[in-house]
C-alpha atoms as a PDB file:
ATOM      1  CA  UNK A   1       2.317 -18.097   2.216  1.00  0.00           C
ATOM      2  CA  UNK A   2       0.185 -15.076   2.980  1.00  0.00           C
ATOM      3  CA  UNK A   3       2.943 -13.819   5.245  1.00  0.00           C
ATOM      4  CA  UNK A   4       4.521 -12.242   2.199  1.00  0.00           C
ATOM      5  CA  UNK A   5       1.718  -9.733   1.838  1.00  0.00           C
ATOM      6  CA  UNK A   6       2.115  -8.583   5.420  1.00  0.00           C
ATOM      7  CA  UNK A   7       5.875  -8.247   5.247  1.00  0.00           C
ATOM      8  CA  UNK A   8       5.589  -6.171   2.098  1.00  0.00           C
ATOM      9  CA  UNK A   9       8.633  -4.934   0.250  1.00  0.00           C
ATOM     10  CA  UNK A  10      11.764  -3.887   2.070  1.00  0.00           C
ATOM     11  CA  UNK A  11      11.542  -0.421   0.605  1.00  0.00           C
ATOM     12  CA  UNK A  12      14.712   1.616   0.787  1.00  0.00           C
ATOM     13  CA  UNK A  13      14.815   5.212   1.861  1.00  0.00           C
ATOM     14  CA  UNK A  14      13.497   7.474  -0.872  1.00  0.00           C
ATOM     15  CA  UNK A  15      15.630  10.563  -0.541  1.00  0.00           C
ATOM     16  CA  UNK A  16      14.081  13.659  -2.069  1.00  0.00           C
ATOM     17  CA  UNK A  17      16.591  16.045  -3.544  1.00  0.00           C
ATOM     18  CA  UNK A  18      16.429  19.782  -2.941  1.00  0.00           C
ATOM     19  CA  UNK A  19      13.602  21.556  -4.744  1.00  0.00           C
ATOM     20  CA  UNK A  20      13.524  25.125  -5.948  1.00  0.00           C
ATOM     21  CA  UNK A  21      13.681  27.543  -3.068  1.00  0.00           C
ATOM     22  CA  UNK A  22      16.101  25.573  -0.938  1.00  0.00           C
ATOM     23  CA  UNK A  23      16.658  22.111   0.502  1.00  0.00           C
ATOM     24  CA  UNK A  24      14.105  20.324   2.607  1.00  0.00           C
ATOM     25  CA  UNK A  25      14.390  17.491   5.078  1.00  0.00           C
ATOM     26  CA  UNK A  26      14.484  14.196   3.219  1.00  0.00           C
ATOM     27  CA  UNK A  27      11.562  12.015   4.281  1.00  0.00           C
ATOM     28  CA  UNK A  28      12.036   8.332   4.977  1.00  0.00           C
ATOM     29  CA  UNK A  29       9.660   5.913   3.325  1.00  0.00           C
ATOM     30  CA  UNK A  30       9.270   3.065   5.774  1.00  0.00           C
ATOM     31  CA  UNK A  31       7.951  -0.382   4.870  1.00  0.00           C
ATOM     32  CA  UNK A  32       4.157  -0.395   4.615  1.00  0.00           C
ATOM     33  CA  UNK A  33       3.776  -3.263   7.053  1.00  0.00           C
ATOM     34  CA  UNK A  34       5.833  -4.874   9.837  1.00  0.00           C
ATOM     35  CA  UNK A  35       9.022  -6.342   8.319  1.00  0.00           C
ATOM     36  CA  UNK A  36       9.636 -10.111   8.572  1.00  0.00           C
ATOM     37  CA  UNK A  37      12.855  -9.709  10.530  1.00  0.00           C
ATOM     38  CA  UNK A  38      12.894 -10.635  14.194  1.00  0.00           C
ATOM     39  CA  UNK A  39      12.170  -9.445  16.773  1.00  0.00           C
ATOM     40  CA  UNK A  40       8.559  -8.741  15.884  1.00  0.00           C
ATOM     41  CA  UNK A  41       7.179  -5.207  16.226  1.00  0.00           C
ATOM     42  CA  UNK A  42       6.391  -4.158  19.766  1.00  0.00           C
ATOM     43  CA  UNK A  43       2.757  -4.949  20.633  1.00  0.00           C
ATOM     44  CA  UNK A  44       0.525  -1.943  21.057  1.00  0.00           C
ATOM     45  CA  UNK A  45       0.252  -0.719  24.612  1.00  0.00           C
ATOM     46  CA  UNK A  46      -3.373   0.302  24.328  1.00  0.00           C
ATOM     47  CA  UNK A  47      -5.823  -1.377  21.934  1.00  0.00           C
ATOM     48  CA  UNK A  48      -7.471   1.217  19.739  1.00  0.00           C
ATOM     49  CA  UNK A  49     -10.770   0.625  17.976  1.00  0.00           C
ATOM     50  CA  UNK A  50     -10.445   1.144  14.232  1.00  0.00           C
ATOM     51  CA  UNK A  51     -13.285   2.701  12.286  1.00  0.00           C
ATOM     52  CA  UNK A  52     -14.631   0.526   9.496  1.00  0.00           C
ATOM     53  CA  UNK A  53     -14.425   2.029   6.039  1.00  0.00           C
ATOM     54  CA  UNK A  54     -17.617   1.920   3.996  1.00  0.00           C
ATOM     55  CA  UNK A  55     -17.424   1.701   0.195  1.00  0.00           C
ATOM     56  CA  UNK A  56     -19.057   5.036  -0.516  1.00  0.00           C
ATOM     57  CA  UNK A  57     -17.600   7.131  -3.340  1.00  0.00           C
ATOM     58  CA  UNK A  58     -16.333  10.605  -2.504  1.00  0.00           C
ATOM     59  CA  UNK A  59     -16.104  12.588  -5.763  1.00  0.00           C
ATOM     60  CA  UNK A  60     -14.572  15.659  -4.135  1.00  0.00           C
ATOM     61  CA  UNK A  61     -11.608  13.648  -2.877  1.00  0.00           C
ATOM     62  CA  UNK A  62     -11.149  11.600  -6.047  1.00  0.00           C
ATOM     63  CA  UNK A  63     -11.279  14.611  -8.376  1.00  0.00           C
ATOM     64  CA  UNK A  64      -7.513  15.198  -8.440  1.00  0.00           C
ATOM     65  CA  UNK A  65      -6.348  11.666  -9.237  1.00  0.00           C
ATOM     66  CA  UNK A  66      -4.514   9.693 -11.890  1.00  0.00           C
ATOM     67  CA  UNK A  67      -5.691   6.340 -13.243  1.00  0.00           C
ATOM     68  CA  UNK A  68      -2.867   3.949 -12.366  1.00  0.00           C
ATOM     69  CA  UNK A  69      -2.279   0.377 -13.502  1.00  0.00           C
ATOM     70  CA  UNK A  70      -1.773  -2.410 -10.959  1.00  0.00           C
ATOM     71  CA  UNK A  71      -0.489  -5.333 -13.020  1.00  0.00           C
ATOM     72  CA  UNK A  72       0.329  -8.784 -11.684  1.00  0.00           C
ATOM     73  CA  UNK A  73       4.044  -9.141 -12.419  1.00  0.00           C
ATOM     74  CA  UNK A  74       3.751 -12.939 -12.181  1.00  0.00           C
ATOM     75  CA  UNK A  75       0.424 -13.364 -13.991  1.00  0.00           C
ATOM     76  CA  UNK A  76      -2.010 -11.818 -16.436  1.00  0.00           C
ATOM     77  CA  UNK A  77      -4.329  -9.903 -14.096  1.00  0.00           C
ATOM     78  CA  UNK A  78      -4.494  -6.117 -14.065  1.00  0.00           C
ATOM     79  CA  UNK A  79      -6.475  -3.668 -11.991  1.00  0.00           C
ATOM     80  CA  UNK A  80      -6.734   0.112 -12.171  1.00  0.00           C
ATOM     81  CA  UNK A  81      -6.964   2.583  -9.303  1.00  0.00           C
ATOM     82  CA  UNK A  82      -7.417   6.323  -8.975  1.00  0.00           C
ATOM     83  CA  UNK A  83      -4.303   7.409  -7.074  1.00  0.00           C
ATOM     84  CA  UNK A  84      -3.978  10.985  -5.745  1.00  0.00           C
ATOM     85  CA  UNK A  85      -2.091  13.026  -8.310  1.00  0.00           C
ATOM     86  CA  UNK A  86       0.110  14.623  -5.643  1.00  0.00           C
ATOM     87  CA  UNK A  87       1.544  11.237  -4.644  1.00  0.00           C
ATOM     88  CA  UNK A  88       4.770  10.036  -6.213  1.00  0.00           C
ATOM     89  CA  UNK A  89       4.039   6.677  -7.848  1.00  0.00           C
ATOM     90  CA  UNK A  90       6.254   4.004  -9.367  1.00  0.00           C
ATOM     91  CA  UNK A  91       4.852   0.869 -11.018  1.00  0.00           C
ATOM     92  CA  UNK A  92       6.174  -2.461 -12.259  1.00  0.00           C
ATOM     93  CA  UNK A  93       6.148  -1.070 -15.805  1.00  0.00           C
ATOM     94  CA  UNK A  94       8.318   1.860 -14.693  1.00  0.00           C
ATOM     95  CA  UNK A  95      11.030  -0.536 -13.521  1.00  0.00           C
ATOM     96  CA  UNK A  96      10.671  -3.072 -16.359  1.00  0.00           C
ATOM     97  CA  UNK A  97      14.021  -2.074 -17.898  1.00  0.00           C
ATOM     98  CA  UNK A  98      16.714   0.594 -17.758  1.00  0.00           C
ATOM     99  CA  UNK A  99      14.960   2.724 -20.356  1.00  0.00           C
ATOM    100  CA  UNK A 100      11.625   2.826 -18.535  1.00  0.00           C
ATOM    101  CA  UNK A 101      13.345   3.545 -15.210  1.00  0.00           C
ATOM    102  CA  UNK A 102      15.335   6.354 -16.820  1.00  0.00           C
ATOM    103  CA  UNK A 103      12.088   7.830 -18.136  1.00  0.00           C
ATOM    104  CA  UNK A 104      10.535   7.650 -14.660  1.00  0.00           C
ATOM    105  CA  UNK A 105      13.610   9.258 -13.064  1.00  0.00           C
ATOM    106  CA  UNK A 106      13.505  12.095 -15.572  1.00  0.00           C
ATOM    107  CA  UNK A 107       9.876  12.733 -14.633  1.00  0.00           C
ATOM    108  CA  UNK A 108      10.694  12.694 -10.906  1.00  0.00           C
ATOM    109  CA  UNK A 109      13.887  14.735 -10.401  1.00  0.00           C
ATOM    110  CA  UNK A 110      12.953  15.250  -6.749  1.00  0.00           C
ATOM    111  CA  UNK A 111      13.849  11.600  -6.064  1.00  0.00           C
ATOM    112  CA  UNK A 112      17.570  10.915  -5.931  1.00  0.00           C
ATOM    113  CA  UNK A 113      18.962   8.543  -8.558  1.00  0.00           C
ATOM    114  CA  UNK A 114      20.430   6.143  -5.983  1.00  0.00           C
ATOM    115  CA  UNK A 115      17.142   5.944  -4.097  1.00  0.00           C
ATOM    116  CA  UNK A 116      15.148   5.317  -7.276  1.00  0.00           C
ATOM    117  CA  UNK A 117      17.477   2.506  -8.319  1.00  0.00           C
ATOM    118  CA  UNK A 118      17.414   0.874  -4.891  1.00  0.00           C
ATOM    119  CA  UNK A 119      13.635   1.039  -4.633  1.00  0.00           C
ATOM    120  CA  UNK A 120      13.314  -0.442  -8.124  1.00  0.00           C
ATOM    121  CA  UNK A 121      15.546  -3.341  -7.086  1.00  0.00           C
ATOM    122  CA  UNK A 122      13.528  -3.884  -3.893  1.00  0.00           C
ATOM    123  CA  UNK A 123      10.268  -3.786  -5.827  1.00  0.00           C
ATOM    124  CA  UNK A 124      11.544  -6.386  -8.277  1.00  0.00           C
ATOM    125  CA  UNK A 125      12.757  -8.654  -5.493  1.00  0.00           C
ATOM    126  CA  UNK A 126       9.522  -8.326  -3.516  1.00  0.00           C
ATOM    127  CA  UNK A 127       7.172  -8.658  -6.470  1.00  0.00           C
ATOM    128  CA  UNK A 128       5.663  -5.230  -5.860  1.00  0.00           C
ATOM    129  CA  UNK A 129       3.428  -3.941  -8.649  1.00  0.00           C
ATOM    130  CA  UNK A 130       2.889  -0.433  -7.319  1.00  0.00           C
ATOM    131  CA  UNK A 131       4.561   1.784  -4.759  1.00  0.00           C
ATOM    132  CA  UNK A 132       3.277   5.288  -3.997  1.00  0.00           C
ATOM    133  CA  UNK A 133       4.017   7.802  -1.265  1.00  0.00           C
ATOM    134  CA  UNK A 134       2.719  11.147  -0.095  1.00  0.00           C
ATOM    135  CA  UNK A 135       5.820  13.257   0.479  1.00  0.00           C
ATOM    136  CA  UNK A 136       3.722  16.317   1.334  1.00  0.00           C
ATOM    137  CA  UNK A 137       2.509  14.663   4.531  1.00  0.00           C
ATOM    138  CA  UNK A 138       5.786  13.212   5.766  1.00  0.00           C
ATOM    139  CA  UNK A 139       6.142  13.641   9.527  1.00  0.00           C
ATOM    140  CA  UNK A 140       9.339  13.161  11.523  1.00  0.00           C
ATOM    141  CA  UNK A 141      10.955  11.086   8.802  1.00  0.00           C
ATOM    142  CA  UNK A 142       7.990   8.810   8.082  1.00  0.00           C
ATOM    143  CA  UNK A 143       6.152   9.124   4.771  1.00  0.00           C
ATOM    144  CA  UNK A 144       2.606   7.758   4.290  1.00  0.00           C
ATOM    145  CA  UNK A 145       2.869   5.080   1.623  1.00  0.00           C
ATOM    146  CA  UNK A 146       0.993   2.464  -0.382  1.00  0.00           C
ATOM    147  CA  UNK A 147       2.299  -0.740  -1.902  1.00  0.00           C
ATOM    148  CA  UNK A 148       0.551  -3.435  -3.905  1.00  0.00           C
ATOM    149  CA  UNK A 149       1.603  -7.056  -4.233  1.00  0.00           C
ATOM    150  CA  UNK A 150      -0.044 -10.124  -5.753  1.00  0.00           C
ATOM    151  CA  UNK A 151      -0.305 -13.487  -3.995  1.00  0.00           C
ATOM    152  CA  UNK A 152      -1.769 -16.921  -4.675  1.00  0.00           C
ATOM    153  CA  UNK A 153      -5.290 -17.366  -3.293  1.00  0.00           C
ATOM    154  CA  UNK A 154      -7.892 -20.149  -3.410  1.00  0.00           C
ATOM    155  CA  UNK A 155     -10.517 -20.034  -6.121  1.00  0.00           C
ATOM    156  CA  UNK A 156     -13.192 -21.176  -3.659  1.00  0.00           C
ATOM    157  CA  UNK A 157     -13.574 -20.787   0.108  1.00  0.00           C
ATOM    158  CA  UNK A 158     -11.962 -17.361   0.004  1.00  0.00           C
ATOM    159  CA  UNK A 159     -13.750 -16.121   3.147  1.00  0.00           C
ATOM    160  CA  UNK A 160     -12.250 -18.866   5.315  1.00  0.00           C
ATOM    161  CA  UNK A 161      -8.828 -18.304   3.785  1.00  0.00           C
ATOM    162  CA  UNK A 162      -8.949 -14.562   4.469  1.00  0.00           C
ATOM    163  CA  UNK A 163     -10.063 -15.160   8.077  1.00  0.00           C
ATOM    164  CA  UNK A 164      -7.197 -17.577   8.580  1.00  0.00           C
ATOM    165  CA  UNK A 165      -4.646 -15.107   7.270  1.00  0.00           C
ATOM    166  CA  UNK A 166      -6.007 -12.374   9.540  1.00  0.00           C
ATOM    167  CA  UNK A 167      -5.600 -14.643  12.571  1.00  0.00           C
ATOM    168  CA  UNK A 168      -2.050 -15.544  11.552  1.00  0.00           C
ATOM    169  CA  UNK A 169      -1.036 -11.920  11.070  1.00  0.00           C
ATOM    170  CA  UNK A 170      -2.590 -10.888  14.395  1.00  0.00           C
ATOM    171  CA  UNK A 171      -0.552 -13.544  16.200  1.00  0.00           C
ATOM    172  CA  UNK A 172       2.670 -13.112  14.281  1.00  0.00           C
ATOM    173  CA  UNK A 173       2.880  -9.363  14.748  1.00  0.00           C
ATOM    174  CA  UNK A 174       1.387  -9.169  18.219  1.00  0.00           C
ATOM    175  CA  UNK A 175      -1.453  -6.864  17.247  1.00  0.00           C
ATOM    176  CA  UNK A 176      -3.329  -5.663  20.324  1.00  0.00           C
ATOM    177  CA  UNK A 177      -6.627  -5.703  18.418  1.00  0.00           C
ATOM    178  CA  UNK A 178      -7.349  -8.681  16.200  1.00  0.00           C
ATOM    179  CA  UNK A 179      -7.162  -7.963  12.486  1.00  0.00           C
ATOM    180  CA  UNK A 180     -10.518  -8.548  10.823  1.00  0.00           C
ATOM    181  CA  UNK A 181     -11.194  -8.292   7.106  1.00  0.00           C
ATOM    182  CA  UNK A 182     -14.707  -7.229   6.126  1.00  0.00           C
ATOM    183  CA  UNK A 183     -16.351  -7.530   2.705  1.00  0.00           C
ATOM    184  CA  UNK A 184     -15.984  -4.524   0.425  1.00  0.00           C
ATOM    185  CA  UNK A 185     -18.612  -4.399  -2.315  1.00  0.00           C
ATOM    186  CA  UNK A 186     -18.655  -1.097  -4.217  1.00  0.00           C
ATOM    187  CA  UNK A 187     -21.140  -0.385  -6.986  1.00  0.00           C
ATOM    188  CA  UNK A 188     -20.425   0.772 -10.513  1.00  0.00           C
ATOM    189  CA  UNK A 189     -19.441  -0.603 -13.920  1.00  0.00           C
ATOM    190  CA  UNK A 190     -16.214  -2.576 -13.735  1.00  0.00           C
ATOM    191  CA  UNK A 191     -15.843  -2.039  -9.986  1.00  0.00           C
ATOM    192  CA  UNK A 192     -14.163  -4.838  -8.075  1.00  0.00           C
ATOM    193  CA  UNK A 193     -14.750  -5.851  -4.485  1.00  0.00           C
ATOM    194  CA  UNK A 194     -12.740  -7.664  -1.883  1.00  0.00           C
ATOM    195  CA  UNK A 195     -11.980  -7.561   1.811  1.00  0.00           C
ATOM    196  CA  UNK A 196     -10.747  -4.598   3.850  1.00  0.00           C
ATOM    197  CA  UNK A 197      -9.036  -4.620   7.233  1.00  0.00           C
ATOM    198  CA  UNK A 198      -7.322  -2.038   9.417  1.00  0.00           C
ATOM    199  CA  UNK A 199      -4.829  -2.321  12.241  1.00  0.00           C
ATOM    200  CA  UNK A 200      -2.480  -0.360  14.447  1.00  0.00           C
ATOM    201  CA  UNK A 201       1.043  -1.253  15.550  1.00  0.00           C
ATOM    202  CA  UNK A 202       4.329   0.272  16.614  1.00  0.00           C
ATOM    203  CA  UNK A 203       7.614   0.144  14.727  1.00  0.00           C
ATOM    204  CA  UNK A 204      10.846   1.637  15.970  1.00  0.00           C
ATOM    205  CA  UNK A 205       8.903   3.578  18.583  1.00  0.00           C
ATOM    206  CA  UNK A 206       6.453   5.086  16.087  1.00  0.00           C
ATOM    207  CA  UNK A 207       2.690   4.531  16.354  1.00  0.00           C
ATOM    208  CA  UNK A 208       1.474   3.565  12.890  1.00  0.00           C
ATOM    209  CA  UNK A 209      -1.874   2.697  11.324  1.00  0.00           C
ATOM    210  CA  UNK A 210      -2.386   0.401   8.379  1.00  0.00           C
ATOM    211  CA  UNK A 211      -5.261  -0.352   6.025  1.00  0.00           C
ATOM    212  CA  UNK A 212      -5.234  -3.348   3.750  1.00  0.00           C
ATOM    213  CA  UNK A 213      -7.498  -4.494   0.916  1.00  0.00           C
ATOM    214  CA  UNK A 214      -7.425  -7.990  -0.568  1.00  0.00           C
ATOM    215  CA  UNK A 215      -8.921  -8.338  -4.051  1.00  0.00           C
ATOM    216  CA  UNK A 216      -9.367 -12.008  -5.074  1.00  0.00           C
ATOM    217  CA  UNK A 217      -9.368 -12.753  -8.780  1.00  0.00           C
ATOM    218  CA  UNK A 218     -11.121 -15.673 -10.525  1.00  0.00           C
ATOM    219  CA  UNK A 219      -7.827 -17.298 -11.571  1.00  0.00           C
ATOM    220  CA  UNK A 220      -6.514 -17.935  -8.056  1.00  0.00           C
ATOM    221  CA  UNK A 221      -4.523 -14.746  -7.597  1.00  0.00           C
ATOM    222  CA  UNK A 222      -5.233 -11.799  -5.314  1.00  0.00           C
ATOM    223  CA  UNK A 223      -4.050  -8.201  -5.241  1.00  0.00           C
ATOM    224  CA  UNK A 224      -3.084  -6.906  -1.803  1.00  0.00           C
ATOM    225  CA  UNK A 225      -3.109  -3.144  -1.277  1.00  0.00           C
ATOM    226  CA  UNK A 226      -1.410  -1.971   1.916  1.00  0.00           C
ATOM    227  CA  UNK A 227      -1.400   1.647   3.076  1.00  0.00           C
ATOM    228  CA  UNK A 228       0.464   2.898   6.135  1.00  0.00           C
ATOM    229  CA  UNK A 229       0.538   6.281   7.838  1.00  0.00           C
ATOM    230  CA  UNK A 230       1.153   7.622  11.313  1.00  0.00           C
ATOM    231  CA  UNK A 231      -1.597   6.781  13.769  1.00  0.00           C
ATOM    232  CA  UNK A 232      -2.524  10.449  14.169  1.00  0.00           C
ATOM    233  CA  UNK A 233      -3.023  10.822  10.396  1.00  0.00           C
ATOM    234  CA  UNK A 234      -5.936   8.384  10.069  1.00  0.00           C
ATOM    235  CA  UNK A 235      -8.575  11.121   9.922  1.00  0.00           C
ATOM    236  CA  UNK A 236      -6.641  12.769   7.094  1.00  0.00           C
ATOM    237  CA  UNK A 237      -6.269   9.638   4.992  1.00  0.00           C
ATOM    238  CA  UNK A 238      -9.512   7.730   5.681  1.00  0.00           C
ATOM    239  CA  UNK A 239     -11.485   9.559   2.962  1.00  0.00           C
ATOM    240  CA  UNK A 240      -8.550   9.248   0.565  1.00  0.00           C
ATOM    241  CA  UNK A 241      -8.477   5.477   1.033  1.00  0.00           C
ATOM    242  CA  UNK A 242     -12.239   5.181   0.706  1.00  0.00           C
ATOM    243  CA  UNK A 243     -12.024   6.872  -2.665  1.00  0.00           C
ATOM    244  CA  UNK A 244      -9.003   4.843  -3.750  1.00  0.00           C
ATOM    245  CA  UNK A 245     -10.460   1.459  -2.744  1.00  0.00           C
ATOM    246  CA  UNK A 246     -13.810   2.337  -4.291  1.00  0.00           C
ATOM    247  CA  UNK A 247     -12.109   3.351  -7.544  1.00  0.00           C
ATOM    248  CA  UNK A 248     -10.592  -0.088  -8.138  1.00  0.00           C
ATOM    249  CA  UNK A 249     -11.728  -1.560 -11.429  1.00  0.00           C
ATOM    250  CA  UNK A 250     -10.817  -4.309 -13.828  1.00  0.00           C
ATOM    251  CA  UNK A 251     -10.649  -1.870 -16.714  1.00  0.00           C
ATOM    252  CA  UNK A 252      -9.222   1.588 -17.288  1.00  0.00           C
END
């Protein structure tokens, strides 16, 4: 079921420990997309038109990035993306065993040990290959975040399948504006394309905006990248997402 990609992982709260110079308010990393629990998220009061991202590279934004693996934990596919270096990122390889998780925790002392362990467990349960968040732009307890999952997808007729999933998600989560995925076809050696869609919704009284990219693979699997931020942060993150989506490749 495609519903899994929209529900995302039930990510626990990532509590950041005090940094040098004093303690700071611990940001909450909310799920990237509406959770599957009922009742469904409150429908938007006012439909808001969402700008369509165009696959144009932005070197100035992508300059300070890290090449990050997005491996299919249930298959053999692997993609690579240029993720902003300032984001805190945890991958399936980081949580593969106690040793790798310990190494990740040592490299990220700002994340509490309990939070790191809980998030690793949630990632494993939800089949999440990558989870990243921008703690610098947390607002009122919500942290902009990205997660990537892999789902089964048809080898042929992918356009009809994607359209059907968009309609299902629009209905299930009461989106005021219908979710529409549009083709994403970047240029460049090794670049991969897919379908990109954007939406707005409310969760626990907060107005949020999401962007999602589906990347079908030839073997019947698809990577699903979901980014969520506050609705009033879309201008800040639109160029970041353009660069990130455009950077996707099938090789490092």
